[in-house]
Amino acid sequence: MTNEESGSPRSSPRRLGAAFLGLLHSHVELLGIELQEQKARTVSLLLFAGLALVFGLLLLLGLSALVLIVLWDSYRLPGIIGLCVFYTLAAAFCGLRLKAAVFDESSPFNATLEELAKDRERLLP
């Protein structure tokens, strides 16, 4: 019978170390998976945000030209002022929404943090 099989005091630190390394490995693996998911999500969001911006600006340019062409003869100045007011309000609204989205975003590694909290609760009485 060896020391490992008999449950001697020397085997306890080894088992504790192995359990700790196993726990650490699973958390690092989970963190890696969440990092990949977050990267894919970020790339997708940036791509579609860029495309939406390009197409939105093209639409806005076309509609602005249409409004100015229609109003040019009789309401030139009110048409230009109206478009400027509209653009200012739209920019302020988008800026406020962007600020709210930046500061209200939840943690991208929520599952990892939850697992670490559960492990801490299990290990500490």
Protein backbone atom coordinates (compact mmCIF):
# COMPACT_ATOMS: atom_id res chain seq x y z
CA MET A 1 0.00 0.00 0.00
CA THR A 2 1.44 3.40 -0.99
CA ASN A 3 1.05 6.73 0.70
CA GLU A 4 -1.46 7.85 -1.95
CA GLU A 5 -3.80 4.90 -1.39
CA SER A 6 -3.74 4.97 2.39
CA GLY A 7 -5.02 8.55 2.60
CA SER A 8 -1.90 9.85 4.34
CA PRO A 9 -1.52 13.53 5.13
CA ARG A 10 0.83 13.93 2.13
CA SER A 11 -1.91 12.99 -0.34
CA SER A 12 -4.30 15.69 0.88
CA PRO A 13 -2.27 18.67 -0.46
CA ARG A 14 -1.84 16.85 -3.78
CA ARG A 15 -5.56 16.24 -4.09
CA LEU A 16 -6.26 19.83 -3.10
CA GLY A 17 -3.74 21.07 -5.68
CA ALA A 18 -5.22 18.83 -8.37
CA ALA A 19 -8.73 20.02 -7.52
CA PHE A 20 -7.57 23.63 -7.63
CA LEU A 21 -5.87 23.14 -10.99
CA GLY A 22 -8.97 21.43 -12.37
CA LEU A 23 -11.12 24.30 -11.16
CA LEU A 24 -8.72 26.86 -12.59
CA HIS A 25 -8.65 25.02 -15.92
CA SER A 26 -12.43 25.02 -16.22
CA HIS A 27 -12.62 28.74 -15.41
CA VAL A 28 -9.91 29.63 -17.92
CA GLU A 29 -11.66 27.52 -20.55
CA LEU A 30 -14.98 29.27 -19.83
CA LEU A 31 -13.27 32.65 -20.01
CA GLY A 32 -11.77 31.73 -23.40
CA ILE A 33 -15.15 30.68 -24.76
CA GLU A 34 -16.76 33.89 -23.53
CA LEU A 35 -13.94 35.94 -25.05
CA GLN A 36 -14.51 34.30 -28.45
CA GLU A 37 -18.26 34.89 -28.23
CA GLN A 38 -17.73 38.52 -27.24
CA LYS A 39 -15.27 39.04 -30.10
CA ALA A 40 -17.69 37.59 -32.66
CA ARG A 41 -20.54 39.69 -31.26
CA THR A 42 -18.44 42.86 -31.36
CA VAL A 43 -17.30 42.30 -34.95
CA SER A 44 -20.88 41.63 -36.05
CA LEU A 45 -22.17 44.73 -34.26
CA LEU A 46 -19.48 46.93 -35.78
CA LEU A 47 -20.11 45.58 -39.28
CA PHE A 48 -23.85 46.14 -39.16
CA ALA A 49 -23.47 49.50 -37.42
CA GLY A 50 -21.14 50.65 -40.19
CA LEU A 51 -23.47 49.46 -42.93
CA ALA A 52 -26.48 51.05 -41.25
CA LEU A 53 -24.55 54.31 -40.96
CA VAL A 54 -23.58 54.31 -44.65
CA PHE A 55 -27.08 53.53 -45.89
CA GLY A 56 -28.69 55.91 -43.42
CA LEU A 57 -26.45 58.75 -44.55
CA LEU A 58 -27.22 58.02 -48.20
CA LEU A 59 -30.94 58.08 -47.44
CA LEU A 60 -30.61 61.27 -45.44
CA LEU A 61 -28.69 62.95 -48.24
CA GLY A 62 -31.31 61.95 -50.80
CA LEU A 63 -34.24 63.06 -48.65
CA SER A 64 -32.55 66.36 -47.81
CA ALA A 65 -31.95 67.06 -51.48
CA LEU A 66 -35.58 66.21 -52.25
CA VAL A 67 -36.90 68.53 -49.53
CA LEU A 68 -34.68 71.39 -50.67
CA ILE A 69 -35.62 70.91 -54.33
CA VAL A 70 -39.34 70.91 -53.50
CA LEU A 71 -39.12 73.94 -51.17
CA TRP A 72 -36.46 75.94 -53.04
CA ASP A 73 -38.72 78.41 -54.86
CA SER A 74 -41.04 79.49 -52.08
CA TYR A 75 -39.66 78.30 -48.69
CA ARG A 76 -35.89 78.20 -49.16
CA LEU A 77 -34.79 79.53 -45.76
CA PRO A 78 -37.43 77.73 -43.63
CA GLY A 79 -36.58 74.48 -45.44
CA ILE A 80 -32.87 74.80 -44.65
CA ILE A 81 -33.56 75.82 -41.03
CA GLY A 82 -36.01 72.93 -40.61
CA LEU A 83 -33.44 70.42 -41.87
CA CYS A 84 -30.78 71.85 -39.54
CA VAL A 85 -33.12 71.63 -36.54
CA PHE A 86 -34.04 68.06 -37.47
CA TYR A 87 -30.36 67.05 -37.81
CA THR A 88 -29.51 68.67 -34.48
CA LEU A 89 -32.31 66.86 -32.64
CA ALA A 90 -31.42 63.54 -34.29
CA ALA A 91 -27.73 63.94 -33.38
CA ALA A 92 -28.60 64.79 -29.76
CA PHE A 93 -30.94 61.80 -29.49
CA CYS A 94 -28.33 59.42 -30.94
CA GLY A 95 -25.63 60.85 -28.67
CA LEU A 96 -27.76 60.33 -25.57
CA ARG A 97 -28.63 56.78 -26.61
CA LEU A 98 -24.95 56.02 -27.26
CA LYS A 99 -23.97 57.38 -23.85
CA ALA A 100 -26.66 55.26 -22.17
CA ALA A 101 -25.55 52.15 -24.06
CA VAL A 102 -21.90 52.63 -23.11
CA PHE A 103 -22.55 53.12 -19.40
CA ASP A 104 -25.39 50.60 -18.94
CA GLU A 105 -23.77 47.58 -20.57
CA SER A 106 -23.59 44.48 -18.42
CA SER A 107 -20.37 42.59 -17.84
CA PRO A 108 -19.31 40.55 -20.89
CA PHE A 109 -17.92 37.80 -18.62
CA ASN A 110 -20.98 37.35 -16.44
CA ALA A 111 -20.93 33.52 -16.50
CA THR A 112 -17.28 33.39 -15.40
CA LEU A 113 -17.90 35.80 -12.55
CA GLU A 114 -20.96 33.82 -11.43
CA GLU A 115 -18.96 30.57 -11.43
CA LEU A 116 -16.17 32.17 -9.40
CA ALA A 117 -18.71 33.46 -6.87
CA LYS A 118 -20.31 30.00 -6.59
CA ASP A 119 -16.92 28.38 -6.06
CA ARG A 120 -16.01 30.92 -3.39
CA GLU A 121 -19.30 30.20 -1.59
CA ARG A 122 -18.67 26.45 -1.75
CA LEU A 123 -15.09 26.71 -0.49
CA LEU A 124 -15.71 29.22 2.28
CA PRO A 125 -18.22 28.16 4.95
